[in-house]
Amino acid sequence: MIPVKKDAIRWFEIAVADMPRAKKFYETILGLSLIDAQMPGCQMAMFPCDPRNGVGGAIVLMDGMPPGVGGTVVYLNVNGELDAVLPRIESAGGKIWRPKFSIGEHGFIGIFMDTEGNAVGLHSLT
């Protein structure tokens, strides 16, 4: 039997084509600073997190990993700030794809297209 893990997601990467543009977009809509990181053949900007006690992720510029719709959709936790984040998306260069809607007892989500062409979700319990 496979043991059940606390979180379904451990790490995520959102592919980008223009790192400065994408970094500015995510910092603007989420009101936080991403942390620059380098790996061989990969430029990253990580979302602030405690990697030992939660889920982490980054926007990533890497050959062979183009951004775009049709791939994975990650849902960023906005801790009750969905109504504050959604209005910042279009002025930061993104596009609202699905405005806030209820997912019942699991809270609310909204989905947007970022400046790189990725579909990204936002999740909030309220």
N, C-alpha and C. Protein backbone atom coordinates (compact mmCIF):
# COMPACT_ATOMS: atom_id res chain seq x y z
N MET A 1 0.84 -1.18 0.00
CA MET A 1 0.00 0.00 0.00
C MET A 1 0.88 1.25 0.00
N ILE A 2 0.54 2.21 -0.83
CA ILE A 2 1.27 3.46 -0.92
C ILE A 2 0.81 4.38 0.21
N PRO A 3 1.75 4.93 1.00
CA PRO A 3 1.35 5.81 2.09
C PRO A 3 0.74 7.12 1.57
N VAL A 4 -0.24 7.64 2.28
CA VAL A 4 -0.88 8.90 1.91
C VAL A 4 0.01 10.04 2.37
N LYS A 5 0.22 11.00 1.50
CA LYS A 5 1.04 12.16 1.80
C LYS A 5 0.14 13.31 2.26
N LYS A 6 0.73 14.23 3.02
CA LYS A 6 -0.01 15.39 3.52
C LYS A 6 -0.51 16.28 2.37
N ASP A 7 0.37 16.58 1.41
CA ASP A 7 0.03 17.46 0.29
C ASP A 7 0.10 16.69 -1.02
N ALA A 8 -0.83 16.97 -1.92
CA ALA A 8 -0.82 16.31 -3.22
C ALA A 8 0.28 16.86 -4.12
N ILE A 9 0.68 18.10 -3.89
CA ILE A 9 1.72 18.73 -4.70
C ILE A 9 2.92 19.01 -3.81
N ARG A 10 4.12 18.74 -4.32
CA ARG A 10 5.34 19.04 -3.58
C ARG A 10 6.09 20.20 -4.20
N TRP A 11 6.07 20.28 -5.51
CA TRP A 11 6.79 21.32 -6.25
C TRP A 11 6.09 21.52 -7.58
N PHE A 12 6.12 22.72 -8.09
CA PHE A 12 5.56 22.98 -9.43
C PHE A 12 6.49 23.93 -10.16
N GLU A 13 6.43 23.86 -11.48
CA GLU A 13 7.18 24.78 -12.31
C GLU A 13 6.26 25.29 -13.40
N ILE A 14 6.24 26.60 -13.57
CA ILE A 14 5.46 27.25 -14.61
C ILE A 14 6.46 27.73 -15.67
N ALA A 15 6.35 27.18 -16.87
CA ALA A 15 7.28 27.54 -17.95
C ALA A 15 7.06 28.97 -18.41
N VAL A 16 8.15 29.68 -18.68
CA VAL A 16 8.08 31.04 -19.18
C VAL A 16 9.00 31.21 -20.38
N ALA A 17 8.74 32.22 -21.19
CA ALA A 17 9.59 32.53 -22.33
C ALA A 17 10.41 33.80 -22.08
N ASP A 18 9.95 34.67 -21.20
CA ASP A 18 10.61 35.94 -20.89
C ASP A 18 10.64 36.08 -19.37
N MET A 19 11.77 35.77 -18.74
CA MET A 19 11.86 35.75 -17.29
C MET A 19 11.56 37.11 -16.65
N PRO A 20 12.16 38.22 -17.09
CA PRO A 20 11.85 39.49 -16.43
C PRO A 20 10.36 39.85 -16.51
N ARG A 21 9.76 39.62 -17.67
CA ARG A 21 8.33 39.93 -17.83
C ARG A 21 7.49 39.05 -16.92
N ALA A 22 7.75 37.75 -16.91
CA ALA A 22 6.97 36.83 -16.09
C ALA A 22 7.16 37.10 -14.60
N LYS A 23 8.39 37.36 -14.21
CA LYS A 23 8.67 37.65 -12.80
C LYS A 23 7.90 38.88 -12.34
N LYS A 24 7.95 39.93 -13.13
CA LYS A 24 7.22 41.16 -12.79
C LYS A 24 5.72 40.88 -12.69
N PHE A 25 5.18 40.10 -13.60
CA PHE A 25 3.75 39.76 -13.60
C PHE A 25 3.36 39.08 -12.29
N TYR A 26 4.05 38.02 -11.92
CA TYR A 26 3.70 37.27 -10.71
C TYR A 26 3.93 38.09 -9.44
N GLU A 27 4.99 38.87 -9.41
CA GLU A 27 5.22 39.72 -8.24
C GLU A 27 4.12 40.77 -8.11
N THR A 28 3.67 41.31 -9.23
CA THR A 28 2.63 42.33 -9.22
C THR A 28 1.29 41.78 -8.79
N ILE A 29 0.87 40.66 -9.37
CA ILE A 29 -0.48 40.17 -9.04
C ILE A 29 -0.55 39.57 -7.65
N LEU A 30 0.54 38.95 -7.18
CA LEU A 30 0.51 38.30 -5.87
C LEU A 30 1.05 39.17 -4.74
N GLY A 31 1.65 40.31 -5.08
CA GLY A 31 2.17 41.21 -4.07
C GLY A 31 3.30 40.61 -3.26
N LEU A 32 4.23 39.92 -3.92
CA LEU A 32 5.37 39.30 -3.24
C LEU A 32 6.59 39.38 -4.13
N SER A 33 7.74 39.01 -3.59
CA SER A 33 8.98 39.00 -4.35
C SER A 33 9.42 37.55 -4.61
N LEU A 34 9.68 37.24 -5.87
CA LEU A 34 10.20 35.92 -6.21
C LEU A 34 11.71 35.90 -5.98
N ILE A 35 12.23 34.72 -5.71
CA ILE A 35 13.64 34.54 -5.37
C ILE A 35 14.38 33.94 -6.56
N ASP A 36 15.34 34.68 -7.12
CA ASP A 36 16.11 34.20 -8.27
C ASP A 36 16.95 32.99 -7.89
N ALA A 37 17.01 32.02 -8.80
CA ALA A 37 17.82 30.82 -8.59
C ALA A 37 18.31 30.33 -9.94
N GLN A 38 19.43 29.65 -9.93
CA GLN A 38 20.01 29.08 -11.14
C GLN A 38 20.25 27.60 -10.92
N MET A 39 20.01 26.83 -11.95
CA MET A 39 20.38 25.42 -11.98
C MET A 39 21.01 25.21 -13.35
N PRO A 40 21.77 24.17 -13.55
CA PRO A 40 22.36 23.94 -14.87
C PRO A 40 21.29 23.95 -15.97
N GLY A 41 21.45 24.84 -16.94
CA GLY A 41 20.53 24.92 -18.06
C GLY A 41 19.15 25.45 -17.73
N CYS A 42 19.02 26.12 -16.59
CA CYS A 42 17.70 26.53 -16.14
C CYS A 42 17.79 27.81 -15.30
N GLN A 43 16.98 28.79 -15.67
CA GLN A 43 16.85 30.02 -14.88
C GLN A 43 15.51 29.96 -14.16
N MET A 44 15.50 30.21 -12.85
CA MET A 44 14.28 30.10 -12.06
C MET A 44 14.05 31.36 -11.23
N ALA A 45 12.80 31.59 -10.89
CA ALA A 45 12.41 32.57 -9.88
C ALA A 45 11.39 31.84 -9.00
N MET A 46 11.78 31.58 -7.75
CA MET A 46 10.97 30.74 -6.87
C MET A 46 9.97 31.57 -6.06
N PHE A 47 8.79 30.98 -5.87
CA PHE A 47 7.80 31.57 -4.99
C PHE A 47 8.28 31.37 -3.56
N PRO A 48 8.14 32.40 -2.69
CA PRO A 48 8.57 32.23 -1.31
C PRO A 48 7.80 31.09 -0.64
N CYS A 49 8.52 30.25 0.09
CA CYS A 49 7.88 29.13 0.77
C CYS A 49 8.83 28.54 1.79
N ASP A 50 8.30 27.69 2.62
CA ASP A 50 9.10 26.90 3.55
C ASP A 50 9.13 25.48 2.97
N PRO A 51 10.17 25.12 2.24
CA PRO A 51 10.17 23.84 1.53
C PRO A 51 10.08 22.61 2.43
N ARG A 52 10.38 22.76 3.69
CA ARG A 52 10.28 21.61 4.61
C ARG A 52 8.86 21.41 5.13
N ASN A 53 8.05 22.46 5.03
CA ASN A 53 6.69 22.38 5.61
C ASN A 53 5.59 22.77 4.65
N GLY A 54 5.84 22.70 3.36
CA GLY A 54 4.80 23.07 2.42
C GLY A 54 5.20 22.81 0.99
N VAL A 55 4.39 23.28 0.09
CA VAL A 55 4.59 23.10 -1.34
C VAL A 55 5.38 24.29 -1.87
N GLY A 56 6.35 24.03 -2.72
CA GLY A 56 7.12 25.09 -3.35
C GLY A 56 6.98 25.04 -4.85
N GLY A 57 7.44 26.11 -5.49
CA GLY A 57 7.39 26.15 -6.94
C GLY A 57 8.10 27.36 -7.49
N ALA A 58 8.20 27.41 -8.80
CA ALA A 58 8.94 28.48 -9.46
C ALA A 58 8.44 28.69 -10.87
N ILE A 59 8.73 29.88 -11.39
CA ILE A 59 8.62 30.10 -12.83
C ILE A 59 9.99 29.71 -13.38
N VAL A 60 10.00 29.09 -14.57
CA VAL A 60 11.22 28.47 -15.08
C VAL A 60 11.43 28.80 -16.56
N LEU A 61 12.63 29.25 -16.88
CA LEU A 61 13.04 29.47 -18.26
C LEU A 61 14.06 28.39 -18.59
N MET A 62 13.65 27.43 -19.46
CA MET A 62 14.50 26.28 -19.76
C MET A 62 14.27 25.84 -21.21
N ASP A 63 15.33 25.57 -21.92
CA ASP A 63 15.20 25.06 -23.29
C ASP A 63 14.36 23.79 -23.29
N GLY A 64 13.50 23.65 -24.28
CA GLY A 64 12.68 22.46 -24.41
C GLY A 64 11.45 22.44 -23.52
N MET A 65 11.20 23.52 -22.79
CA MET A 65 10.04 23.59 -21.90
C MET A 65 9.27 24.88 -22.19
N PRO A 66 8.56 24.92 -23.33
CA PRO A 66 7.85 26.15 -23.69
C PRO A 66 6.56 26.31 -22.88
N PRO A 67 6.17 27.56 -22.62
CA PRO A 67 4.90 27.80 -21.94
C PRO A 67 3.73 27.58 -22.90
N GLY A 68 2.54 27.46 -22.35
CA GLY A 68 1.36 27.38 -23.19
C GLY A 68 0.21 26.64 -22.55
N VAL A 69 -0.96 26.82 -23.16
CA VAL A 69 -2.19 26.18 -22.69
C VAL A 69 -2.22 24.73 -23.13
N GLY A 70 -2.84 23.89 -22.35
CA GLY A 70 -3.01 22.51 -22.72
C GLY A 70 -2.18 21.57 -21.88
N GLY A 71 -1.30 22.14 -21.09
CA GLY A 71 -0.47 21.33 -20.21
C GLY A 71 -1.03 21.34 -18.80
N THR A 72 -0.15 21.30 -17.86
CA THR A 72 -0.52 21.26 -16.46
C THR A 72 -1.08 22.60 -16.01
N VAL A 73 -2.09 22.56 -15.18
CA VAL A 73 -2.61 23.77 -14.53
C VAL A 73 -2.31 23.65 -13.05
N VAL A 74 -1.57 24.61 -12.52
CA VAL A 74 -1.32 24.66 -11.09
C VAL A 74 -2.25 25.71 -10.49
N TYR A 75 -2.62 25.49 -9.25
CA TYR A 75 -3.48 26.43 -8.54
C TYR A 75 -2.67 27.02 -7.40
N LEU A 76 -2.44 28.33 -7.46
CA LEU A 76 -1.69 29.02 -6.43
C LEU A 76 -2.62 29.37 -5.28
N ASN A 77 -2.17 29.16 -4.07
CA ASN A 77 -2.96 29.48 -2.88
C ASN A 77 -2.85 30.97 -2.62
N VAL A 78 -3.99 31.66 -2.59
CA VAL A 78 -3.98 33.10 -2.35
C VAL A 78 -4.58 33.46 -0.99
N ASN A 79 -4.72 32.49 -0.09
CA ASN A 79 -5.08 32.72 1.31
C ASN A 79 -6.20 33.74 1.52
N GLY A 80 -7.33 33.53 0.88
CA GLY A 80 -8.47 34.42 1.08
C GLY A 80 -8.40 35.72 0.31
N GLU A 81 -7.40 35.88 -0.55
CA GLU A 81 -7.21 37.14 -1.27
C GLU A 81 -7.62 37.06 -2.74
N LEU A 82 -8.45 36.11 -3.09
CA LEU A 82 -8.83 35.94 -4.50
C LEU A 82 -9.45 37.21 -5.07
N ASP A 83 -10.32 37.86 -4.30
CA ASP A 83 -10.96 39.09 -4.78
C ASP A 83 -9.96 40.24 -4.94
N ALA A 84 -8.84 40.19 -4.25
CA ALA A 84 -7.82 41.22 -4.39
C ALA A 84 -6.87 40.92 -5.54
N VAL A 85 -6.57 39.63 -5.77
CA VAL A 85 -5.61 39.26 -6.81
C VAL A 85 -6.21 39.37 -8.21
N LEU A 86 -7.41 38.88 -8.40
CA LEU A 86 -8.00 38.86 -9.75
C LEU A 86 -8.00 40.23 -10.45
N PRO A 87 -8.35 41.33 -9.78
CA PRO A 87 -8.35 42.62 -10.47
C PRO A 87 -6.97 43.10 -10.92
N ARG A 88 -5.91 42.57 -10.37
CA ARG A 88 -4.55 42.99 -10.74
C ARG A 88 -4.03 42.28 -11.98
N ILE A 89 -4.69 41.23 -12.41
CA ILE A 89 -4.16 40.39 -13.49
C ILE A 89 -4.08 41.12 -14.82
N GLU A 90 -5.16 41.72 -15.24
CA GLU A 90 -5.16 42.36 -16.57
C GLU A 90 -4.24 43.57 -16.62
N SER A 91 -4.19 44.36 -15.55
CA SER A 91 -3.30 45.53 -15.56
C SER A 91 -1.82 45.11 -15.53
N ALA A 92 -1.55 43.88 -15.09
CA ALA A 92 -0.17 43.36 -15.08
C ALA A 92 0.19 42.66 -16.39
N GLY A 93 -0.76 42.57 -17.32
CA GLY A 93 -0.47 41.98 -18.63
C GLY A 93 -1.07 40.62 -18.88
N GLY A 94 -1.81 40.08 -17.90
CA GLY A 94 -2.46 38.79 -18.07
C GLY A 94 -3.90 38.95 -18.53
N LYS A 95 -4.64 37.85 -18.53
CA LYS A 95 -6.04 37.87 -18.96
C LYS A 95 -6.83 36.91 -18.09
N ILE A 96 -7.96 37.37 -17.58
CA ILE A 96 -8.85 36.50 -16.81
C ILE A 96 -9.48 35.51 -17.78
N TRP A 97 -9.35 34.24 -17.50
CA TRP A 97 -9.94 33.20 -18.34
C TRP A 97 -11.27 32.76 -17.75
N ARG A 98 -11.28 32.46 -16.45
CA ARG A 98 -12.52 32.15 -15.74
C ARG A 98 -12.52 32.95 -14.46
N PRO A 99 -13.47 33.89 -14.32
CA PRO A 99 -13.54 34.68 -13.10
C PRO A 99 -13.84 33.78 -11.89
N LYS A 100 -13.76 34.35 -10.72
CA LYS A 100 -14.01 33.61 -9.48
C LYS A 100 -15.32 32.83 -9.55
N PHE A 101 -15.24 31.57 -9.15
CA PHE A 101 -16.46 30.76 -9.04
C PHE A 101 -16.29 29.75 -7.93
N SER A 102 -17.41 29.33 -7.40
CA SER A 102 -17.42 28.41 -6.27
C SER A 102 -17.13 26.99 -6.71
N ILE A 103 -16.38 26.30 -5.87
CA ILE A 103 -16.19 24.86 -6.05
C ILE A 103 -16.75 24.15 -4.81
N GLY A 104 -17.86 24.71 -4.32
CA GLY A 104 -18.56 24.13 -3.18
C GLY A 104 -17.79 24.23 -1.89
N GLU A 105 -17.80 23.18 -1.13
CA GLU A 105 -17.15 23.18 0.19
C GLU A 105 -15.64 23.37 0.11
N HIS A 106 -15.07 23.30 -1.08
CA HIS A 106 -13.62 23.44 -1.25
C HIS A 106 -13.18 24.88 -1.52
N GLY A 107 -14.11 25.81 -1.53
CA GLY A 107 -13.76 27.21 -1.69
C GLY A 107 -14.06 27.78 -3.06
N PHE A 108 -13.13 28.58 -3.56
CA PHE A 108 -13.33 29.31 -4.81
C PHE A 108 -12.05 29.26 -5.64
N ILE A 109 -12.22 29.30 -6.95
CA ILE A 109 -11.07 29.38 -7.84
C ILE A 109 -11.34 30.40 -8.94
N GLY A 110 -10.29 30.84 -9.55
CA GLY A 110 -10.31 31.66 -10.75
C GLY A 110 -9.15 31.18 -11.60
N ILE A 111 -9.26 31.31 -12.91
CA ILE A 111 -8.18 30.86 -13.80
C ILE A 111 -7.83 32.02 -14.72
N PHE A 112 -6.53 32.21 -14.92
CA PHE A 112 -6.07 33.30 -15.77
C PHE A 112 -4.99 32.81 -16.72
N MET A 113 -4.74 33.61 -17.74
CA MET A 113 -3.62 33.38 -18.66
C MET A 113 -2.54 34.36 -18.24
N ASP A 114 -1.32 33.85 -18.01
CA ASP A 114 -0.25 34.75 -17.61
C ASP A 114 0.39 35.38 -18.84
N THR A 115 1.41 36.18 -18.63
CA THR A 115 2.06 36.89 -19.74
C THR A 115 2.80 35.95 -20.68
N GLU A 116 2.98 34.69 -20.27
CA GLU A 116 3.71 33.72 -21.08
C GLU A 116 2.78 32.77 -21.84
N GLY A 117 1.45 32.90 -21.65
CA GLY A 117 0.50 32.04 -22.33
C GLY A 117 0.08 30.82 -21.53
N ASN A 118 0.48 30.74 -20.26
CA ASN A 118 0.10 29.62 -19.40
C ASN A 118 -1.27 29.87 -18.76
N ALA A 119 -2.06 28.81 -18.64
CA ALA A 119 -3.28 28.87 -17.85
C ALA A 119 -2.88 28.51 -16.42
N VAL A 120 -3.16 29.42 -15.47
CA VAL A 120 -2.81 29.22 -14.08
C VAL A 120 -4.04 29.48 -13.24
N GLY A 121 -4.25 28.65 -12.22
CA GLY A 121 -5.39 28.81 -11.33
C GLY A 121 -5.01 29.50 -10.04
N LEU A 122 -6.01 30.10 -9.40
CA LEU A 122 -5.88 30.67 -8.07
C LEU A 122 -6.91 29.99 -7.20
N HIS A 123 -6.56 29.62 -5.98
CA HIS A 123 -7.48 28.95 -5.06
C HIS A 123 -7.54 29.68 -3.74
N SER A 124 -8.75 29.81 -3.22
CA SER A 124 -8.96 30.40 -1.90
C SER A 124 -10.12 29.68 -1.23
N LEU A 125 -10.03 29.49 0.07
CA LEU A 125 -11.13 28.87 0.80
C LEU A 125 -12.30 29.82 0.97
N THR A 126 -12.05 31.13 0.86
CA THR A 126 -13.13 32.12 1.01
C THR A 126 -13.23 33.01 -0.21
